């Protein structure tokens, strides 16, 4: 019984790792794959007044990335996304862009991406993320898909020492649903 249980658990673990796809497994073929992933994040940055009723947020979000599989969410690694967001403080509209680094849980690969989105301040934004390359197992990776960023907690930490900005923090979720990618043959 112990040998059968171990074999079943090993097979389930292997299947779970293969399902993680984005950066957690070696490539066998250059077929396009689709993945659903999310990251609970924390962010910090500064908001500068850059016009009448206009602000510019400069900062980064950091979180743990999970990929959905038939066994539930699997921890795939860490995501760090610095960026800039233009805020219209009168009507609440926002638009931003930035870059991301996704590091595999075991550190054996990194994928790089650019993102842009539009939305409503204090709610979130929707847009697109595009992979621009990678290292290790993710070398040559390409792909793109929709990105949704939702903030559920936000606040002002304090006036910054430069006296021209306010330090802000936030927590939320970054969602990549239907994200398509492929890697070259190895």
Protein backbone atom coordinates (compact mmCIF):
# COMPACT_ATOMS: atom_id res chain seq x y z
CA UNK A 1 0.00 0.00 0.00
CA UNK A 2 2.79 2.44 0.82
CA UNK A 3 4.47 1.93 -2.57
CA UNK A 4 1.19 2.48 -4.46
CA UNK A 5 0.40 5.60 -2.40
CA UNK A 6 3.87 6.99 -3.04
CA UNK A 7 3.58 6.31 -6.78
CA UNK A 8 0.15 7.96 -6.91
CA UNK A 9 1.38 10.97 -4.93
CA UNK A 10 4.45 11.21 -7.17
CA UNK A 11 2.28 11.08 -10.30
CA UNK A 12 -0.07 13.73 -8.88
CA UNK A 13 2.88 15.95 -7.94
CA UNK A 14 4.39 15.58 -11.42
CA UNK A 15 1.04 16.36 -13.05
CA UNK A 16 0.66 19.39 -10.80
CA UNK A 17 4.12 20.66 -11.73
CA UNK A 18 3.41 20.12 -15.44
CA UNK A 19 0.11 21.99 -15.07
CA UNK A 20 1.98 24.97 -13.63
CA UNK A 21 3.47 25.47 -17.10
CA UNK A 22 4.39 29.16 -17.26
CA UNK A 23 7.86 28.88 -15.74
CA UNK A 24 7.87 25.78 -13.62
CA UNK A 25 8.57 23.06 -16.23
CA UNK A 26 10.98 22.34 -19.07
CA UNK A 27 9.67 22.67 -22.61
CA UNK A 28 9.17 19.57 -24.70
CA UNK A 29 7.51 21.25 -27.71
CA UNK A 30 6.93 24.78 -28.95
CA UNK A 31 3.16 24.40 -28.70
CA UNK A 32 1.19 27.34 -27.43
CA UNK A 33 -0.08 26.82 -23.89
CA UNK A 34 -2.80 28.70 -22.00
CA UNK A 35 -2.60 29.31 -18.28
CA UNK A 36 -4.69 31.00 -15.61
CA UNK A 37 -2.65 32.56 -12.83
CA UNK A 38 -2.96 35.10 -10.05
CA UNK A 39 -0.82 36.85 -7.45
CA UNK A 40 -1.85 38.39 -4.17
CA UNK A 41 0.33 41.48 -3.98
CA UNK A 42 1.54 44.27 -1.76
CA UNK A 43 2.71 47.51 -3.29
CA UNK A 44 4.36 50.71 -2.27
CA UNK A 45 5.27 53.87 -4.07
CA UNK A 46 4.99 57.62 -4.23
CA UNK A 47 2.32 59.85 -5.71
CA UNK A 48 3.50 63.16 -7.16
CA UNK A 49 1.17 65.99 -8.13
CA UNK A 50 1.97 66.48 -11.82
CA UNK A 51 -0.81 68.85 -12.86
CA UNK A 52 -4.10 70.33 -11.78
CA UNK A 53 -6.10 67.35 -10.47
CA UNK A 54 -3.43 65.02 -11.86
CA UNK A 55 -1.10 62.71 -10.01
CA UNK A 56 1.56 60.23 -11.03
CA UNK A 57 2.14 57.07 -9.01
CA UNK A 58 5.64 55.56 -9.24
CA UNK A 59 6.21 52.31 -7.42
CA UNK A 60 6.08 48.53 -7.52
CA UNK A 61 3.93 45.59 -6.55
CA UNK A 62 5.38 42.31 -5.25
CA UNK A 63 3.56 39.03 -4.74
CA UNK A 64 3.55 35.27 -4.83
CA UNK A 65 2.34 33.86 -8.18
CA UNK A 66 -0.05 30.90 -8.28
CA UNK A 67 -1.07 28.92 -11.36
CA UNK A 68 -4.43 27.17 -11.49
CA UNK A 69 -4.36 23.41 -12.06
CA UNK A 70 -6.80 20.54 -11.76
CA UNK A 71 -5.46 20.17 -8.19
CA UNK A 72 -6.12 23.79 -7.27
CA UNK A 73 -3.73 26.74 -7.14
CA UNK A 74 -0.03 25.81 -7.30
CA UNK A 75 2.72 28.13 -6.14
CA UNK A 76 4.79 28.92 -9.26
CA UNK A 77 7.06 31.67 -7.98
CA UNK A 78 7.31 35.37 -7.28
CA UNK A 79 6.30 38.37 -9.37
CA UNK A 80 7.71 41.90 -9.08
CA UNK A 81 6.18 44.67 -11.22
CA UNK A 82 7.52 48.22 -11.09
CA UNK A 83 5.48 50.78 -12.96
CA UNK A 84 3.95 54.19 -13.31
CA UNK A 85 0.27 55.14 -13.19
CA UNK A 86 -1.22 58.46 -14.35
CA UNK A 87 -4.17 59.44 -12.14
CA UNK A 88 -6.92 61.93 -12.91
CA UNK A 89 -7.93 62.97 -9.39
CA UNK A 90 -11.08 64.70 -10.63
CA UNK A 91 -12.79 61.88 -12.55
CA UNK A 92 -10.87 58.88 -11.14
CA UNK A 93 -9.56 57.57 -14.47
CA UNK A 94 -6.10 56.04 -14.53
CA UNK A 95 -3.71 54.58 -17.09
CA UNK A 96 -0.38 52.97 -16.46
CA UNK A 97 2.42 50.78 -17.69
CA UNK A 98 5.48 48.98 -16.44
CA UNK A 99 7.52 45.81 -16.46
CA UNK A 100 7.52 42.57 -14.48
CA UNK A 101 9.97 39.86 -13.50
CA UNK A 102 8.54 36.45 -12.68
CA UNK A 103 10.98 34.20 -10.83
CA UNK A 104 10.28 30.45 -10.64
CA UNK A 105 9.79 29.01 -7.18
CA UNK A 106 13.06 27.05 -7.44
CA UNK A 107 14.95 30.05 -8.87
CA UNK A 108 15.80 28.10 -12.05
CA UNK A 109 14.06 30.49 -14.43
CA UNK A 110 12.89 34.04 -14.86
CA UNK A 111 10.39 35.46 -17.33
CA UNK A 112 10.21 39.15 -18.19
CA UNK A 113 7.14 41.08 -19.27
CA UNK A 114 5.73 44.49 -20.07
CA UNK A 115 2.20 45.55 -19.09
CA UNK A 116 -0.23 48.39 -19.60
CA UNK A 117 -3.73 48.99 -18.27
CA UNK A 118 -6.56 51.51 -17.89
CA UNK A 119 -9.19 51.77 -15.22
CA UNK A 120 -10.56 53.65 -12.27
CA UNK A 121 -8.50 54.92 -9.34
CA UNK A 122 -9.14 53.03 -6.07
CA UNK A 123 -10.76 50.17 -8.03
CA UNK A 124 -8.21 48.76 -10.47
CA UNK A 125 -7.32 48.50 -14.11
CA UNK A 126 -7.56 46.08 -17.02
CA UNK A 127 -5.07 45.71 -19.84
CA UNK A 128 -2.50 43.44 -21.42
CA UNK A 129 0.75 41.77 -20.37
CA UNK A 130 3.31 40.61 -22.94
CA UNK A 131 6.27 38.33 -22.25
CA UNK A 132 9.55 39.72 -23.61
CA UNK A 133 11.98 36.88 -22.84
CA UNK A 134 13.45 34.88 -20.03
CA UNK A 135 16.35 32.97 -18.54
CA UNK A 136 16.93 29.32 -17.65
CA UNK A 137 13.89 27.17 -18.53
CA UNK A 138 12.08 30.34 -19.64
CA UNK A 139 14.73 31.35 -22.22
CA UNK A 140 13.00 32.38 -25.44
CA UNK A 141 9.53 32.45 -23.89
CA UNK A 142 6.93 34.60 -25.63
CA UNK A 143 3.24 35.24 -25.25
CA UNK A 144 0.60 37.62 -24.02
CA UNK A 145 -2.77 37.88 -22.42
CA UNK A 146 -5.15 39.99 -20.41
CA UNK A 147 -4.16 41.39 -17.03
CA UNK A 148 -6.52 42.61 -14.32
CA UNK A 149 -5.27 44.42 -11.24
CA UNK A 150 -7.68 44.92 -8.35
CA UNK A 151 -6.82 46.77 -5.17
CA UNK A 152 -8.71 45.95 -1.98
CA UNK A 153 -6.70 47.98 0.54
CA UNK A 154 -4.97 51.28 -0.02
CA UNK A 155 -3.70 54.07 2.14
CA UNK A 156 -1.30 56.93 2.63
CA UNK A 157 1.66 56.07 4.76
CA UNK A 158 3.06 59.59 5.19
CA UNK A 159 4.32 62.67 3.44
CA UNK A 160 7.71 61.76 2.02
CA UNK A 161 10.96 63.44 2.96
CA UNK A 162 11.18 65.10 -0.47
CA UNK A 163 8.02 67.09 0.47
CA UNK A 164 6.74 66.83 -3.13
CA UNK A 165 5.17 63.39 -2.83
CA UNK A 166 3.09 61.17 -0.60
CA UNK A 167 4.12 57.59 0.16
CA UNK A 168 1.28 55.16 -0.54
CA UNK A 169 0.72 51.44 -0.02
CA UNK A 170 -1.76 48.97 -1.35
CA UNK A 171 -2.78 45.33 -1.39
CA UNK A 172 -4.68 43.47 -4.02
CA UNK A 173 -4.74 40.77 -6.64
CA UNK A 174 -3.21 40.55 -10.11
CA UNK A 175 -5.07 38.16 -12.43
CA UNK A 176 -3.84 36.57 -15.66
CA UNK A 177 -6.78 34.61 -17.11
CA UNK A 178 -6.40 32.95 -20.51
CA UNK A 179 -2.73 33.93 -20.76
CA UNK A 180 -1.11 32.31 -23.83
CA UNK A 181 2.60 31.54 -24.07
CA UNK A 182 5.14 29.32 -25.80
CA UNK A 183 8.82 28.53 -25.58
CA UNK A 184 11.13 27.37 -28.36
CA UNK A 185 12.10 23.70 -28.65
CA UNK A 186 14.90 22.69 -26.30
